[in-house]
Amino acid sequence: MIQVCWNLEDPKTKQREVDGLLSAMDELQLKRGTIVTWLDEETFHKSIDIIPAWKWFLSNQSR
């Protein structure tokens, strides 16, 4: 499951994007999700990878 967001600097934006992804993951019974951003990178809740777009395009996930 992939969610896309320009940046997650604002805590409200980050919470909204994470909540939306977690809800979709729960609905589809998925264990992992990814948020693709412009530059942000981290692992959130051990089940969500936040990754910059350039890195996502170079990874196997983009194919």
PDB file of N, CA and C in Angstrom:
ATOM      1  N   MET A   1       0.857  -1.161   0.000  1.00  0.00           N
ATOM      2  CA  MET A   1       0.000   0.000   0.000  1.00  0.00           C
ATOM      3  C   MET A   1       0.899   1.217   0.000  1.00  0.00           C
ATOM      4  N   ILE A   2       0.611   2.167  -0.873  1.00  0.00           N
ATOM      5  CA  ILE A   2       1.426   3.370  -1.006  1.00  0.00           C
ATOM      6  C   ILE A   2       0.552   4.612  -0.847  1.00  0.00           C
ATOM      7  N   GLN A   3       1.044   5.539  -0.053  1.00  0.00           N
ATOM      8  CA  GLN A   3       0.440   6.853   0.144  1.00  0.00           C
ATOM      9  C   GLN A   3       1.483   7.867  -0.316  1.00  0.00           C
ATOM     10  N   VAL A   4       1.067   8.962  -0.936  1.00  0.00           N
ATOM     11  CA  VAL A   4       2.002   9.981  -1.408  1.00  0.00           C
ATOM     12  C   VAL A   4       1.662  11.315  -0.751  1.00  0.00           C
ATOM     13  N   CYS A   5       2.709  12.011  -0.280  1.00  0.00           N
ATOM     14  CA  CYS A   5       2.536  13.311   0.370  1.00  0.00           C
ATOM     15  C   CYS A   5       3.785  14.140   0.111  1.00  0.00           C
ATOM     16  N   TRP A   6       3.641  15.424  -0.182  1.00  0.00           N
ATOM     17  CA  TRP A   6       4.799  16.267  -0.487  1.00  0.00           C
ATOM     18  C   TRP A   6       5.782  16.292   0.678  1.00  0.00           C
ATOM     19  N   ASN A   7       5.311  16.667   1.887  1.00  0.00           N
ATOM     20  CA  ASN A   7       6.187  16.604   3.056  1.00  0.00           C
ATOM     21  C   ASN A   7       5.349  16.384   4.316  1.00  0.00           C
ATOM     22  N   LEU A   8       6.019  15.950   5.352  1.00  0.00           N
ATOM     23  CA  LEU A   8       5.348  15.614   6.604  1.00  0.00           C
ATOM     24  C   LEU A   8       5.848  16.480   7.758  1.00  0.00           C
ATOM     25  N   GLU A   9       6.313  17.692   7.460  1.00  0.00           N
ATOM     26  CA  GLU A   9       6.840  18.575   8.490  1.00  0.00           C
ATOM     27  C   GLU A   9       5.776  18.971   9.503  1.00  0.00           C
ATOM     28  N   ASP A  10       4.575  19.254   9.044  1.00  0.00           N
ATOM     29  CA  ASP A  10       3.487  19.634   9.942  1.00  0.00           C
ATOM     30  C   ASP A  10       2.977  18.377  10.653  1.00  0.00           C
ATOM     31  N   PRO A  11       2.989  18.368  11.979  1.00  0.00           N
ATOM     32  CA  PRO A  11       2.524  17.176  12.714  1.00  0.00           C
ATOM     33  C   PRO A  11       1.090  16.758  12.372  1.00  0.00           C
ATOM     34  N   LYS A  12       0.228  17.725  12.077  1.00  0.00           N
ATOM     35  CA  LYS A  12      -1.154  17.388  11.707  1.00  0.00           C
ATOM     36  C   LYS A  12      -1.194  16.660  10.362  1.00  0.00           C
ATOM     37  N   THR A  13      -0.372  17.104   9.427  1.00  0.00           N
ATOM     38  CA  THR A  13      -0.303  16.443   8.117  1.00  0.00           C
ATOM     39  C   THR A  13       0.223  15.026   8.281  1.00  0.00           C
ATOM     40  N   LYS A  14       1.286  14.875   9.046  1.00  0.00           N
ATOM     41  CA  LYS A  14       1.867  13.550   9.266  1.00  0.00           C
ATOM     42  C   LYS A  14       0.845  12.614   9.896  1.00  0.00           C
ATOM     43  N   GLN A  15       0.140  13.093  10.911  1.00  0.00           N
ATOM     44  CA  GLN A  15      -0.858  12.248  11.576  1.00  0.00           C
ATOM     45  C   GLN A  15      -1.982  11.867  10.619  1.00  0.00           C
ATOM     46  N   ARG A  16      -2.437  12.824   9.808  1.00  0.00           N
ATOM     47  CA  ARG A  16      -3.510  12.550   8.842  1.00  0.00           C
ATOM     48  C   ARG A  16      -3.079  11.491   7.833  1.00  0.00           C
ATOM     49  N   GLU A  17      -1.873  11.624   7.299  1.00  0.00           N
ATOM     50  CA  GLU A  17      -1.383  10.676   6.298  1.00  0.00           C
ATOM     51  C   GLU A  17      -1.165   9.288   6.906  1.00  0.00           C
ATOM     52  N   VAL A  18      -0.579   9.231   8.082  1.00  0.00           N
ATOM     53  CA  VAL A  18      -0.348   7.943   8.752  1.00  0.00           C
ATOM     54  C   VAL A  18      -1.676   7.283   9.101  1.00  0.00           C
ATOM     55  N   ASP A  19      -2.612   8.047   9.651  1.00  0.00           N
ATOM     56  CA  ASP A  19      -3.924   7.482  10.001  1.00  0.00           C
ATOM     57  C   ASP A  19      -4.641   6.931   8.776  1.00  0.00           C
ATOM     58  N   GLY A  20      -4.586   7.670   7.669  1.00  0.00           N
ATOM     59  CA  GLY A  20      -5.226   7.206   6.435  1.00  0.00           C
ATOM     60  C   GLY A  20      -4.605   5.923   5.920  1.00  0.00           C
ATOM     61  N   LEU A  21      -3.283   5.854   5.971  1.00  0.00           N
ATOM     62  CA  LEU A  21      -2.595   4.653   5.506  1.00  0.00           C
ATOM     63  C   LEU A  21      -2.876   3.471   6.421  1.00  0.00           C
ATOM     64  N   LEU A  22      -2.843   3.695   7.730  1.00  0.00           N
ATOM     65  CA  LEU A  22      -3.141   2.607   8.671  1.00  0.00           C
ATOM     66  C   LEU A  22      -4.566   2.089   8.484  1.00  0.00           C
ATOM     67  N   SER A  23      -5.507   2.993   8.234  1.00  0.00           N
ATOM     68  CA  SER A  23      -6.896   2.592   8.000  1.00  0.00           C
ATOM     69  C   SER A  23      -7.012   1.731   6.738  1.00  0.00           C
ATOM     70  N   ALA A  24      -6.347   2.151   5.664  1.00  0.00           N
ATOM     71  CA  ALA A  24      -6.382   1.377   4.418  1.00  0.00           C
ATOM     72  C   ALA A  24      -5.699   0.022   4.604  1.00  0.00           C
ATOM     73  N   MET A  25      -4.576   0.012   5.319  1.00  0.00           N
ATOM     74  CA  MET A  25      -3.871  -1.242   5.573  1.00  0.00           C
ATOM     75  C   MET A  25      -4.746  -2.206   6.371  1.00  0.00           C
ATOM     76  N   ASP A  26      -5.460  -1.662   7.355  1.00  0.00           N
ATOM     77  CA  ASP A  26      -6.360  -2.491   8.159  1.00  0.00           C
ATOM     78  C   ASP A  26      -7.487  -3.051   7.302  1.00  0.00           C
ATOM     79  N   GLU A  27      -8.070  -2.198   6.470  1.00  0.00           N
ATOM     80  CA  GLU A  27      -9.177  -2.613   5.594  1.00  0.00           C
ATOM     81  C   GLU A  27      -8.739  -3.719   4.637  1.00  0.00           C
ATOM     82  N   LEU A  28      -7.527  -3.609   4.118  1.00  0.00           N
ATOM     83  CA  LEU A  28      -7.026  -4.579   3.142  1.00  0.00           C
ATOM     84  C   LEU A  28      -6.181  -5.685   3.772  1.00  0.00           C
ATOM     85  N   GLN A  29      -6.080  -5.666   5.093  1.00  0.00           N
ATOM     86  CA  GLN A  29      -5.336  -6.667   5.858  1.00  0.00           C
ATOM     87  C   GLN A  29      -3.872  -6.753   5.401  1.00  0.00           C
ATOM     88  N   LEU A  30      -3.235  -5.583   5.277  1.00  0.00           N
ATOM     89  CA  LEU A  30      -1.830  -5.508   4.894  1.00  0.00           C
ATOM     90  C   LEU A  30      -0.978  -5.223   6.128  1.00  0.00           C
ATOM     91  N   LYS A  31       0.227  -5.766   6.161  1.00  0.00           N
ATOM     92  CA  LYS A  31       1.103  -5.592   7.312  1.00  0.00           C
ATOM     93  C   LYS A  31       2.059  -4.412   7.164  1.00  0.00           C
ATOM     94  N   ARG A  32       2.331  -3.983   5.932  1.00  0.00           N
ATOM     95  CA  ARG A  32       3.291  -2.901   5.701  1.00  0.00           C
ATOM     96  C   ARG A  32       2.714  -1.885   4.721  1.00  0.00           C
ATOM     97  N   GLY A  33       3.164  -0.660   4.891  1.00  0.00           N
ATOM     98  CA  GLY A  33       2.759   0.408   3.990  1.00  0.00           C
ATOM     99  C   GLY A  33       3.913   1.369   3.782  1.00  0.00           C
ATOM    100  N   THR A  34       3.789   2.212   2.765  1.00  0.00           N
ATOM    101  CA  THR A  34       4.830   3.173   2.428  1.00  0.00           C
ATOM    102  C   THR A  34       4.202   4.530   2.162  1.00  0.00           C
ATOM    103  N   ILE A  35       4.835   5.566   2.701  1.00  0.00           N
ATOM    104  CA  ILE A  35       4.478   6.939   2.350  1.00  0.00           C
ATOM    105  C   ILE A  35       5.653   7.497   1.568  1.00  0.00           C
ATOM    106  N   VAL A  36       5.397   7.891   0.323  1.00  0.00           N
ATOM    107  CA  VAL A  36       6.422   8.471  -0.528  1.00  0.00           C
ATOM    108  C   VAL A  36       6.311   9.987  -0.401  1.00  0.00           C
ATOM    109  N   THR A  37       7.441  10.640  -0.079  1.00  0.00           N
ATOM    110  CA  THR A  37       7.473  12.088   0.114  1.00  0.00           C
ATOM    111  C   THR A  37       8.557  12.703  -0.762  1.00  0.00           C
ATOM    112  N   TRP A  38       8.673  14.026  -0.684  1.00  0.00           N
ATOM    113  CA  TRP A  38       9.723  14.700  -1.430  1.00  0.00           C
ATOM    114  C   TRP A  38      11.091  14.391  -0.832  1.00  0.00           C
ATOM    115  N   LEU A  39      11.257  14.578   0.503  1.00  0.00           N
ATOM    116  CA  LEU A  39      12.561  14.382   1.114  1.00  0.00           C
ATOM    117  C   LEU A  39      12.548  13.612   2.437  1.00  0.00           C
ATOM    118  N   ASP A  40      11.398  13.463   3.070  1.00  0.00           N
ATOM    119  CA  ASP A  40      11.331  12.829   4.390  1.00  0.00           C
ATOM    120  C   ASP A  40      11.689  11.351   4.318  1.00  0.00           C
ATOM    121  N   GLU A  41      12.296  10.867   5.415  1.00  0.00           N
ATOM    122  CA  GLU A  41      12.638   9.447   5.468  1.00  0.00           C
ATOM    123  C   GLU A  41      12.674   8.988   6.927  1.00  0.00           C
ATOM    124  N   GLU A  42      11.923   7.940   7.234  1.00  0.00           N
ATOM    125  CA  GLU A  42      11.930   7.317   8.551  1.00  0.00           C
ATOM    126  C   GLU A  42      11.059   6.059   8.522  1.00  0.00           C
ATOM    127  N   THR A  43      11.115   5.289   9.582  1.00  0.00           N
ATOM    128  CA  THR A  43      10.199   4.165   9.759  1.00  0.00           C
ATOM    129  C   THR A  43       9.263   4.544  10.895  1.00  0.00           C
ATOM    130  N   PHE A  44       7.980   4.357  10.695  1.00  0.00           N
ATOM    131  CA  PHE A  44       6.962   4.784  11.651  1.00  0.00           C
ATOM    132  C   PHE A  44       6.154   3.577  12.084  1.00  0.00           C
ATOM    133  N   HIS A  45       5.990   3.379  13.371  1.00  0.00           N
ATOM    134  CA  HIS A  45       5.198   2.262  13.925  1.00  0.00           C
ATOM    135  C   HIS A  45       5.701   0.890  13.479  1.00  0.00           C
ATOM    136  N   LYS A  46       6.915   0.787  13.017  1.00  0.00           N
ATOM    137  CA  LYS A  46       7.514  -0.467  12.545  1.00  0.00           C
ATOM    138  C   LYS A  46       6.777  -1.094  11.364  1.00  0.00           C
ATOM    139  N   SER A  47       5.715  -0.441  10.882  1.00  0.00           N
ATOM    140  CA  SER A  47       4.972  -1.011   9.760  1.00  0.00           C
ATOM    141  C   SER A  47       4.831  -0.044   8.591  1.00  0.00           C
ATOM    142  N   ILE A  48       5.290   1.198   8.779  1.00  0.00           N
ATOM    143  CA  ILE A  48       5.178   2.203   7.723  1.00  0.00           C
ATOM    144  C   ILE A  48       6.557   2.756   7.423  1.00  0.00           C
ATOM    145  N   ASP A  49       6.966   2.633   6.162  1.00  0.00           N
ATOM    146  CA  ASP A  49       8.217   3.225   5.711  1.00  0.00           C
ATOM    147  C   ASP A  49       7.903   4.559   5.054  1.00  0.00           C
ATOM    148  N   ILE A  50       8.576   5.611   5.518  1.00  0.00           N
ATOM    149  CA  ILE A  50       8.467   6.923   4.892  1.00  0.00           C
ATOM    150  C   ILE A  50       9.754   7.105   4.106  1.00  0.00           C
ATOM    151  N   ILE A  51       9.614   7.311   2.800  1.00  0.00           N
ATOM    152  CA  ILE A  51      10.773   7.267   1.914  1.00  0.00           C
ATOM    153  C   ILE A  51      10.703   8.403   0.893  1.00  0.00           C
ATOM    154  N   PRO A  52      11.850   9.037   0.595  1.00  0.00           N
ATOM    155  CA  PRO A  52      11.848  10.086  -0.432  1.00  0.00           C
ATOM    156  C   PRO A  52      11.572   9.498  -1.823  1.00  0.00           C
ATOM    157  N   ALA A  53      10.958  10.294  -2.663  1.00  0.00           N
ATOM    158  CA  ALA A  53      10.556   9.817  -3.998  1.00  0.00           C
ATOM    159  C   ALA A  53      11.731   9.263  -4.791  1.00  0.00           C
ATOM    160  N   TRP A  54      12.876   9.939  -4.759  1.00  0.00           N
ATOM    161  CA  TRP A  54      14.024   9.475  -5.549  1.00  0.00           C
ATOM    162  C   TRP A  54      14.454   8.079  -5.135  1.00  0.00           C
ATOM    163  N   LYS A  55      14.407   7.816  -3.838  1.00  0.00           N
ATOM    164  CA  LYS A  55      14.815   6.500  -3.351  1.00  0.00           C
ATOM    165  C   LYS A  55      13.763   5.448  -3.723  1.00  0.00           C
ATOM    166  N   TRP A  56      12.486   5.837  -3.677  1.00  0.00           N
ATOM    167  CA  TRP A  56      11.411   4.912  -4.031  1.00  0.00           C
ATOM    168  C   TRP A  56      11.502   4.536  -5.512  1.00  0.00           C
ATOM    169  N   PHE A  57      11.797   5.541  -6.364  1.00  0.00           N
ATOM    170  CA  PHE A  57      11.929   5.254  -7.801  1.00  0.00           C
ATOM    171  C   PHE A  57      13.078   4.304  -8.101  1.00  0.00           C
ATOM    172  N   LEU A  58      14.125   4.332  -7.295  1.00  0.00           N
ATOM    173  CA  LEU A  58      15.275   3.458  -7.507  1.00  0.00           C
ATOM    174  C   LEU A  58      15.095   2.081  -6.870  1.00  0.00           C
ATOM    175  N   SER A  59      14.068   1.919  -6.061  1.00  0.00           N
ATOM    176  CA  SER A  59      13.848   0.653  -5.368  1.00  0.00           C
ATOM    177  C   SER A  59      13.000  -0.297  -6.211  1.00  0.00           C
ATOM    178  N   ASN A  60      12.919  -1.534  -5.784  1.00  0.00           N
ATOM    179  CA  ASN A  60      12.082  -2.531  -6.456  1.00  0.00           C
ATOM    180  C   ASN A  60      10.599  -2.270  -6.237  1.00  0.00           C
ATOM    181  N   GLN A  61      10.236  -1.505  -5.206  1.00  0.00           N
ATOM    182  CA  GLN A  61       8.826  -1.231  -4.912  1.00  0.00           C
ATOM    183  C   GLN A  61       8.148  -0.442  -6.014  1.00  0.00           C
ATOM    184  N   SER A  62       8.910   0.345  -6.772  1.00  0.00           N
ATOM    185  CA  SER A  62       8.312   1.202  -7.798  1.00  0.00           C
ATOM    186  C   SER A  62       7.958   0.440  -9.066  1.00  0.00           C
ATOM    187  N   ARG A  63       8.330  -0.822  -9.127  1.00  0.00           N
ATOM    188  CA  ARG A  63       8.078  -1.595 -10.356  1.00  0.00           C
ATOM    189  C   ARG A  63       6.878  -2.458 -10.247  1.00  0.00           C
TER     190      ARG A  63
END
